[in-house]
Amino acid sequence: MVQEQPVQNKSAQETPVQGTQVQGTSLQETPVLDKPIHVMDDTFDKVIRENRYVVVDFWAEWCRPCHAIAPTIDELARRYAGKVVFAKINSDENQRKFQEYGVMGIPTLLFFKDGKLVDQVIGAMPKAQLEHRVMKHLG
């Protein structure tokens, strides 16, 4: 019994500290992104540079295929939260990045790993195939 009391007291003391650390980390230092973020020409490079794995959806409001894949992008952002950052950039408002990456048709998805372009998908794609492409670069 003498051995059990210090363990119980220690656990009771550590629990609030661990909760505080987890809470502080998740809210202040590294928020987990569970939905796509919207980027612009001037914020694009920062997002790519500051995140290990980013999938950027080049889209436009008038693009029906872009709207068709949007629920899939949202779902994958939730499923891979903390592992992949999904970003969206609007073609009508951000021409510089479209030209820089030679995007000729939308939707176009660009996959960046450690700041480097590693894959590209042009056009709408079924969810299973898109998820396979996302998983391909997780390792």
N, C-alpha and C. Protein backbone atom coordinates (compact mmCIF):
# COMPACT_ATOMS: atom_id res chain seq x y z
N MET A 1 0.80 -1.19 0.00
CA MET A 1 0.00 0.00 0.00
C MET A 1 0.84 1.26 0.00
N VAL A 2 1.98 1.19 0.60
CA VAL A 2 2.84 2.35 0.63
C VAL A 2 3.25 2.74 -0.79
N GLN A 3 3.43 1.76 -1.66
CA GLN A 3 3.82 2.05 -3.04
C GLN A 3 2.67 2.63 -3.85
N GLU A 4 1.44 2.24 -3.55
CA GLU A 4 0.29 2.71 -4.31
C GLU A 4 -0.02 4.17 -4.05
N GLN A 5 0.13 4.67 -2.82
CA GLN A 5 -0.21 6.05 -2.51
C GLN A 5 0.60 7.05 -3.31
N PRO A 6 1.92 6.95 -3.37
CA PRO A 6 2.68 7.92 -4.17
C PRO A 6 2.26 7.88 -5.64
N VAL A 7 1.96 6.71 -6.17
CA VAL A 7 1.55 6.62 -7.56
C VAL A 7 0.23 7.35 -7.76
N GLN A 8 -0.74 7.14 -6.84
CA GLN A 8 -2.02 7.81 -6.96
C GLN A 8 -1.86 9.32 -6.82
N ASN A 9 -1.09 9.77 -5.86
CA ASN A 9 -0.88 11.21 -5.68
C ASN A 9 -0.18 11.81 -6.88
N LYS A 10 0.78 11.09 -7.39
CA LYS A 10 1.53 11.58 -8.55
C LYS A 10 0.61 11.71 -9.75
N SER A 11 -0.25 10.72 -9.98
CA SER A 11 -1.18 10.78 -11.10
C SER A 11 -2.14 11.95 -10.95
N ALA A 12 -2.63 12.17 -9.76
CA ALA A 12 -3.56 13.26 -9.53
C ALA A 12 -2.89 14.60 -9.79
N GLN A 13 -1.61 14.71 -9.45
CA GLN A 13 -0.89 15.96 -9.67
C GLN A 13 -0.54 16.15 -11.14
N GLU A 14 -0.24 15.09 -11.84
CA GLU A 14 0.20 15.21 -13.24
C GLU A 14 -0.96 15.46 -14.20
N THR A 15 -2.14 14.95 -13.92
CA THR A 15 -3.25 15.05 -14.86
C THR A 15 -3.55 16.49 -15.26
N PRO A 16 -3.72 17.44 -14.32
CA PRO A 16 -4.00 18.82 -14.76
C PRO A 16 -2.85 19.42 -15.57
N VAL A 17 -1.62 19.09 -15.21
CA VAL A 17 -0.47 19.62 -15.94
C VAL A 17 -0.48 19.11 -17.37
N GLN A 18 -0.75 17.82 -17.57
CA GLN A 18 -0.80 17.28 -18.92
C GLN A 18 -1.93 17.91 -19.71
N GLY A 19 -3.09 18.09 -19.07
CA GLY A 19 -4.22 18.73 -19.74
C GLY A 19 -3.88 20.15 -20.16
N THR A 20 -3.19 20.87 -19.29
CA THR A 20 -2.79 22.23 -19.60
C THR A 20 -1.81 22.26 -20.76
N GLN A 21 -0.85 21.34 -20.75
CA GLN A 21 0.13 21.30 -21.83
C GLN A 21 -0.53 20.99 -23.16
N VAL A 22 -1.40 20.00 -23.19
CA VAL A 22 -2.08 19.63 -24.43
C VAL A 22 -2.94 20.78 -24.91
N GLN A 23 -3.68 21.38 -23.98
CA GLN A 23 -4.55 22.49 -24.35
C GLN A 23 -3.72 23.65 -24.88
N GLY A 24 -2.65 24.01 -24.21
CA GLY A 24 -1.80 25.11 -24.65
C GLY A 24 -1.18 24.83 -26.01
N THR A 25 -0.76 23.62 -26.25
CA THR A 25 -0.14 23.26 -27.52
C THR A 25 -1.14 23.32 -28.65
N SER A 26 -2.31 22.75 -28.44
CA SER A 26 -3.26 22.68 -29.55
C SER A 26 -3.90 24.03 -29.84
N LEU A 27 -4.06 24.88 -28.86
CA LEU A 27 -4.74 26.15 -29.10
C LEU A 27 -3.80 27.29 -29.44
N GLN A 28 -2.62 27.31 -28.86
CA GLN A 28 -1.77 28.47 -29.02
C GLN A 28 -0.61 28.23 -29.99
N GLU A 29 0.02 27.10 -29.93
CA GLU A 29 1.23 26.89 -30.71
C GLU A 29 0.96 26.29 -32.09
N THR A 30 0.21 25.19 -32.16
CA THR A 30 0.01 24.49 -33.42
C THR A 30 -1.45 24.11 -33.58
N PRO A 31 -2.28 25.02 -34.09
CA PRO A 31 -3.67 24.63 -34.28
C PRO A 31 -3.79 23.57 -35.36
N VAL A 32 -4.65 22.60 -35.13
CA VAL A 32 -4.88 21.54 -36.12
C VAL A 32 -5.92 22.05 -37.11
N LEU A 33 -5.56 22.06 -38.37
CA LEU A 33 -6.45 22.55 -39.41
C LEU A 33 -7.29 21.40 -39.93
N ASP A 34 -8.59 21.45 -39.67
CA ASP A 34 -9.47 20.37 -40.08
C ASP A 34 -10.43 20.80 -41.20
N LYS A 35 -10.10 21.92 -41.83
CA LYS A 35 -10.84 22.37 -43.01
C LYS A 35 -9.88 23.16 -43.88
N PRO A 36 -10.18 23.27 -45.15
CA PRO A 36 -9.27 24.01 -46.04
C PRO A 36 -9.15 25.47 -45.63
N ILE A 37 -7.95 26.00 -45.80
CA ILE A 37 -7.73 27.42 -45.55
C ILE A 37 -7.70 28.13 -46.91
N HIS A 38 -8.05 29.38 -46.91
CA HIS A 38 -8.03 30.16 -48.15
C HIS A 38 -6.74 30.96 -48.18
N VAL A 39 -6.00 30.83 -49.28
CA VAL A 39 -4.75 31.56 -49.44
C VAL A 39 -4.87 32.50 -50.64
N MET A 40 -3.96 33.45 -50.68
CA MET A 40 -3.92 34.41 -51.77
C MET A 40 -2.50 34.43 -52.32
N ASP A 41 -2.31 35.17 -53.40
CA ASP A 41 -0.97 35.26 -53.99
C ASP A 41 0.09 35.61 -52.95
N ASP A 42 -0.23 36.55 -52.06
CA ASP A 42 0.78 37.02 -51.10
C ASP A 42 0.95 36.12 -49.88
N THR A 43 0.06 35.17 -49.63
CA THR A 43 0.20 34.26 -48.48
C THR A 43 0.55 32.83 -48.89
N PHE A 44 0.48 32.55 -50.18
CA PHE A 44 0.70 31.20 -50.72
C PHE A 44 2.05 30.63 -50.29
N ASP A 45 3.13 31.35 -50.56
CA ASP A 45 4.48 30.85 -50.28
C ASP A 45 4.69 30.58 -48.80
N LYS A 46 4.14 31.43 -47.95
CA LYS A 46 4.29 31.25 -46.51
C LYS A 46 3.63 29.95 -46.06
N VAL A 47 2.44 29.67 -46.56
CA VAL A 47 1.73 28.44 -46.20
C VAL A 47 2.52 27.22 -46.65
N ILE A 48 3.06 27.26 -47.86
CA ILE A 48 3.85 26.13 -48.37
C ILE A 48 5.12 25.95 -47.54
N ARG A 49 5.76 27.05 -47.20
CA ARG A 49 7.03 27.01 -46.46
C ARG A 49 6.83 26.53 -45.02
N GLU A 50 5.73 26.91 -44.39
CA GLU A 50 5.54 26.64 -42.96
C GLU A 50 4.85 25.32 -42.64
N ASN A 51 4.43 24.59 -43.66
CA ASN A 51 3.74 23.33 -43.44
C ASN A 51 4.42 22.22 -44.23
N ARG A 52 4.58 21.08 -43.61
CA ARG A 52 5.33 19.98 -44.23
C ARG A 52 4.65 19.43 -45.48
N TYR A 53 3.33 19.31 -45.46
CA TYR A 53 2.60 18.72 -46.57
C TYR A 53 1.34 19.55 -46.83
N VAL A 54 1.26 20.12 -48.02
CA VAL A 54 0.14 21.00 -48.37
C VAL A 54 -0.43 20.57 -49.72
N VAL A 55 -1.75 20.49 -49.78
CA VAL A 55 -2.45 20.25 -51.04
C VAL A 55 -3.22 21.53 -51.35
N VAL A 56 -2.91 22.15 -52.49
CA VAL A 56 -3.55 23.41 -52.87
C VAL A 56 -4.54 23.16 -53.99
N ASP A 57 -5.76 23.59 -53.76
CA ASP A 57 -6.86 23.48 -54.72
C ASP A 57 -7.00 24.81 -55.45
N PHE A 58 -6.63 24.83 -56.73
CA PHE A 58 -6.82 26.01 -57.58
C PHE A 58 -8.24 25.92 -58.13
N TRP A 59 -9.08 26.91 -57.86
CA TRP A 59 -10.50 26.82 -58.16
C TRP A 59 -11.04 28.19 -58.55
N ALA A 60 -12.33 28.23 -58.91
CA ALA A 60 -13.05 29.47 -59.18
C ALA A 60 -14.51 29.27 -58.80
N GLU A 61 -15.15 30.34 -58.45
CA GLU A 61 -16.55 30.30 -58.03
C GLU A 61 -17.46 29.75 -59.13
N TRP A 62 -17.18 30.08 -60.38
CA TRP A 62 -18.04 29.69 -61.51
C TRP A 62 -17.77 28.28 -62.02
N CYS A 63 -16.77 27.60 -61.46
CA CYS A 63 -16.33 26.28 -61.95
C CYS A 63 -17.14 25.16 -61.30
N ARG A 64 -18.00 24.51 -62.09
CA ARG A 64 -18.84 23.41 -61.56
C ARG A 64 -18.00 22.23 -61.05
N PRO A 65 -16.99 21.76 -61.81
CA PRO A 65 -16.17 20.66 -61.28
C PRO A 65 -15.46 21.03 -59.97
N CYS A 66 -15.12 22.31 -59.80
CA CYS A 66 -14.50 22.75 -58.54
C CYS A 66 -15.47 22.56 -57.38
N HIS A 67 -16.72 22.91 -57.61
CA HIS A 67 -17.74 22.73 -56.57
C HIS A 67 -18.02 21.24 -56.34
N ALA A 68 -17.88 20.44 -57.37
CA ALA A 68 -18.13 19.00 -57.24
C ALA A 68 -17.10 18.33 -56.33
N ILE A 69 -15.84 18.77 -56.38
CA ILE A 69 -14.81 18.14 -55.54
C ILE A 69 -14.68 18.80 -54.17
N ALA A 70 -15.32 19.94 -53.97
CA ALA A 70 -15.19 20.67 -52.69
C ALA A 70 -15.57 19.81 -51.48
N PRO A 71 -16.67 19.05 -51.51
CA PRO A 71 -16.98 18.21 -50.34
C PRO A 71 -15.90 17.15 -50.07
N THR A 72 -15.29 16.64 -51.12
CA THR A 72 -14.20 15.67 -50.94
C THR A 72 -13.00 16.33 -50.29
N ILE A 73 -12.66 17.53 -50.75
CA ILE A 73 -11.53 18.27 -50.16
C ILE A 73 -11.82 18.53 -48.68
N ASP A 74 -13.05 18.94 -48.36
CA ASP A 74 -13.43 19.19 -46.97
C ASP A 74 -13.30 17.93 -46.13
N GLU A 75 -13.77 16.81 -46.66
CA GLU A 75 -13.70 15.55 -45.92
C GLU A 75 -12.25 15.10 -45.70
N LEU A 76 -11.43 15.23 -46.73
CA LEU A 76 -10.02 14.84 -46.59
C LEU A 76 -9.30 15.76 -45.61
N ALA A 77 -9.67 17.04 -45.58
CA ALA A 77 -9.07 17.96 -44.62
C ALA A 77 -9.38 17.52 -43.19
N ARG A 78 -10.61 17.06 -42.95
CA ARG A 78 -10.96 16.55 -41.62
C ARG A 78 -10.22 15.25 -41.32
N ARG A 79 -10.21 14.34 -42.28
CA ARG A 79 -9.62 13.02 -42.08
C ARG A 79 -8.11 13.10 -41.84
N TYR A 80 -7.43 14.00 -42.52
CA TYR A 80 -5.97 14.10 -42.42
C TYR A 80 -5.52 15.33 -41.64
N ALA A 81 -6.39 15.85 -40.79
CA ALA A 81 -6.05 17.02 -39.97
C ALA A 81 -4.81 16.71 -39.14
N GLY A 82 -3.88 17.63 -39.13
CA GLY A 82 -2.63 17.44 -38.41
C GLY A 82 -1.54 16.78 -39.24
N LYS A 83 -1.91 16.22 -40.39
CA LYS A 83 -0.94 15.57 -41.28
C LYS A 83 -0.81 16.29 -42.61
N VAL A 84 -1.93 16.83 -43.09
CA VAL A 84 -1.97 17.52 -44.38
C VAL A 84 -2.74 18.82 -44.21
N VAL A 85 -2.20 19.90 -44.76
CA VAL A 85 -2.92 21.17 -44.80
C VAL A 85 -3.52 21.29 -46.20
N PHE A 86 -4.82 21.50 -46.26
CA PHE A 86 -5.50 21.73 -47.53
C PHE A 86 -5.74 23.23 -47.66
N ALA A 87 -5.39 23.77 -48.82
CA ALA A 87 -5.55 25.19 -49.07
C ALA A 87 -6.30 25.39 -50.38
N LYS A 88 -7.01 26.50 -50.48
CA LYS A 88 -7.75 26.83 -51.69
C LYS A 88 -7.31 28.21 -52.15
N ILE A 89 -7.12 28.36 -53.47
CA ILE A 89 -6.77 29.66 -54.02
C ILE A 89 -7.69 29.94 -55.21
N ASN A 90 -8.34 31.09 -55.17
CA ASN A 90 -9.33 31.47 -56.18
C ASN A 90 -8.64 32.07 -57.41
N SER A 91 -8.94 31.52 -58.57
CA SER A 91 -8.30 31.96 -59.82
C SER A 91 -8.66 33.38 -60.21
N ASP A 92 -9.86 33.80 -59.91
CA ASP A 92 -10.30 35.13 -60.31
C ASP A 92 -9.64 36.24 -59.50
N GLU A 93 -9.16 35.91 -58.32
CA GLU A 93 -8.58 36.92 -57.43
C GLU A 93 -7.07 36.79 -57.29
N ASN A 94 -6.47 35.74 -57.81
CA ASN A 94 -5.04 35.46 -57.57
C ASN A 94 -4.36 34.92 -58.82
N GLN A 95 -4.18 35.75 -59.80
CA GLN A 95 -3.61 35.31 -61.08
C GLN A 95 -2.12 34.99 -61.02
N ARG A 96 -1.39 35.62 -60.13
CA ARG A 96 0.07 35.42 -60.08
C ARG A 96 0.45 33.96 -59.87
N LYS A 97 -0.14 33.29 -58.90
CA LYS A 97 0.22 31.89 -58.62
C LYS A 97 -0.28 30.95 -59.71
N PHE A 98 -1.40 31.28 -60.32
CA PHE A 98 -1.88 30.48 -61.44
C PHE A 98 -0.85 30.52 -62.57
N GLN A 99 -0.34 31.69 -62.86
CA GLN A 99 0.66 31.84 -63.93
C GLN A 99 1.99 31.20 -63.53
N GLU A 100 2.40 31.41 -62.30
CA GLU A 100 3.68 30.87 -61.82
C GLU A 100 3.73 29.35 -61.94
N TYR A 101 2.63 28.68 -61.64
CA TYR A 101 2.60 27.21 -61.70
C TYR A 101 2.00 26.67 -62.99
N GLY A 102 1.72 27.55 -63.94
CA GLY A 102 1.24 27.12 -65.24
C GLY A 102 -0.11 26.43 -65.21
N VAL A 103 -0.96 26.85 -64.29
CA VAL A 103 -2.29 26.24 -64.17
C VAL A 103 -3.14 26.73 -65.35
N MET A 104 -3.56 25.79 -66.19
CA MET A 104 -4.31 26.12 -67.39
C MET A 104 -5.78 25.73 -67.27
N GLY A 105 -6.10 24.79 -66.40
CA GLY A 105 -7.47 24.34 -66.22
C GLY A 105 -7.76 24.14 -64.75
N ILE A 106 -9.02 24.29 -64.39
CA ILE A 106 -9.40 24.09 -63.01
C ILE A 106 -10.56 23.11 -62.93
N PRO A 107 -10.65 22.37 -61.86
CA PRO A 107 -9.77 22.42 -60.69
C PRO A 107 -8.41 21.78 -60.99
N THR A 108 -7.40 22.34 -60.37
CA THR A 108 -6.06 21.75 -60.37
C THR A 108 -5.62 21.66 -58.93
N LEU A 109 -5.11 20.51 -58.54
CA LEU A 109 -4.57 20.31 -57.19
C LEU A 109 -3.07 20.15 -57.30
N LEU A 110 -2.34 20.95 -56.53
CA LEU A 110 -0.89 20.82 -56.46
C LEU A 110 -0.52 20.31 -55.08
N PHE A 111 0.36 19.32 -55.04
CA PHE A 111 0.79 18.68 -53.79
C PHE A 111 2.21 19.13 -53.48
N PHE A 112 2.41 19.76 -52.33
CA PHE A 112 3.72 20.24 -51.92
C PHE A 112 4.18 19.47 -50.69
N LYS A 113 5.38 18.95 -50.74
CA LYS A 113 5.98 18.23 -49.61
C LYS A 113 7.30 18.91 -49.30
N ASP A 114 7.46 19.36 -48.07
CA ASP A 114 8.66 20.06 -47.64
C ASP A 114 9.01 21.22 -48.58
N GLY A 115 7.97 21.93 -49.03
CA GLY A 115 8.17 23.11 -49.86
C GLY A 115 8.36 22.85 -51.34
N LYS A 116 8.38 21.59 -51.74
CA LYS A 116 8.61 21.25 -53.15
C LYS A 116 7.35 20.65 -53.77
N LEU A 117 7.08 21.02 -55.01
CA LEU A 117 5.96 20.46 -55.74
C LEU A 117 6.27 19.00 -56.06
N VAL A 118 5.40 18.08 -55.61
CA VAL A 118 5.67 16.65 -55.80
C VAL A 118 4.61 15.93 -56.62
N ASP A 119 3.46 16.58 -56.83
CA ASP A 119 2.40 15.92 -57.59
C ASP A 119 1.39 16.96 -58.04
N GLN A 120 0.57 16.55 -59.01
CA GLN A 120 -0.43 17.45 -59.57
C GLN A 120 -1.60 16.63 -60.10
N VAL A 121 -2.81 17.14 -59.89
CA VAL A 121 -4.02 16.53 -60.44
C VAL A 121 -4.78 17.63 -61.17
N ILE A 122 -5.11 17.39 -62.42
CA ILE A 122 -5.88 18.36 -63.20
C ILE A 122 -7.26 17.76 -63.45
N GLY A 123 -8.28 18.52 -63.06
CA GLY A 123 -9.66 18.06 -63.25
C GLY A 123 -10.20 17.36 -62.03
N ALA A 124 -11.50 17.12 -62.07
CA ALA A 124 -12.16 16.43 -60.96
C ALA A 124 -11.79 14.96 -60.98
N MET A 125 -11.78 14.37 -59.79
CA MET A 125 -11.37 12.97 -59.64
C MET A 125 -12.23 12.34 -58.55
N PRO A 126 -12.58 11.07 -58.67
CA PRO A 126 -13.35 10.41 -57.61
C PRO A 126 -12.60 10.44 -56.27
N LYS A 127 -13.37 10.44 -55.19
CA LYS A 127 -12.80 10.55 -53.85
C LYS A 127 -11.73 9.51 -53.56
N ALA A 128 -11.97 8.25 -53.89
CA ALA A 128 -11.01 7.18 -53.59
C ALA A 128 -9.67 7.43 -54.29
N GLN A 129 -9.72 7.85 -55.53
CA GLN A 129 -8.48 8.12 -56.27
C GLN A 129 -7.75 9.34 -55.70
N LEU A 130 -8.50 10.36 -55.33
CA LEU A 130 -7.88 11.56 -54.76
C LEU A 130 -7.25 11.24 -53.41
N GLU A 131 -7.95 10.47 -52.61
CA GLU A 131 -7.39 10.10 -51.30
C GLU A 131 -6.12 9.26 -51.48
N HIS A 132 -6.10 8.39 -52.46
CA HIS A 132 -4.89 7.61 -52.75
C HIS A 132 -3.72 8.53 -53.08
N ARG A 133 -3.97 9.58 -53.86
CA ARG A 133 -2.91 10.54 -54.21
C ARG A 133 -2.43 11.28 -52.97
N VAL A 134 -3.34 11.64 -52.09
CA VAL A 134 -2.96 12.32 -50.85
C VAL A 134 -2.09 11.41 -49.99
N MET A 135 -2.50 10.16 -49.83
CA MET A 135 -1.78 9.20 -49.01
C MET A 135 -0.40 8.86 -49.59
N LYS A 136 -0.28 8.90 -50.87
CA LYS A 136 0.97 8.55 -51.56
C LYS A 136 2.16 9.37 -51.03
N HIS A 137 1.92 10.59 -50.63
CA HIS A 137 3.00 11.47 -50.21
C HIS A 137 3.06 11.69 -48.69
N LEU A 138 2.28 10.93 -47.94
CA LEU A 138 2.28 11.09 -46.48
C LEU A 138 3.56 10.56 -45.82
N GLY A 139 4.15 9.54 -46.35
CA GLY A 139 5.30 8.90 -45.73
C GLY A 139 6.54 9.69 -45.59
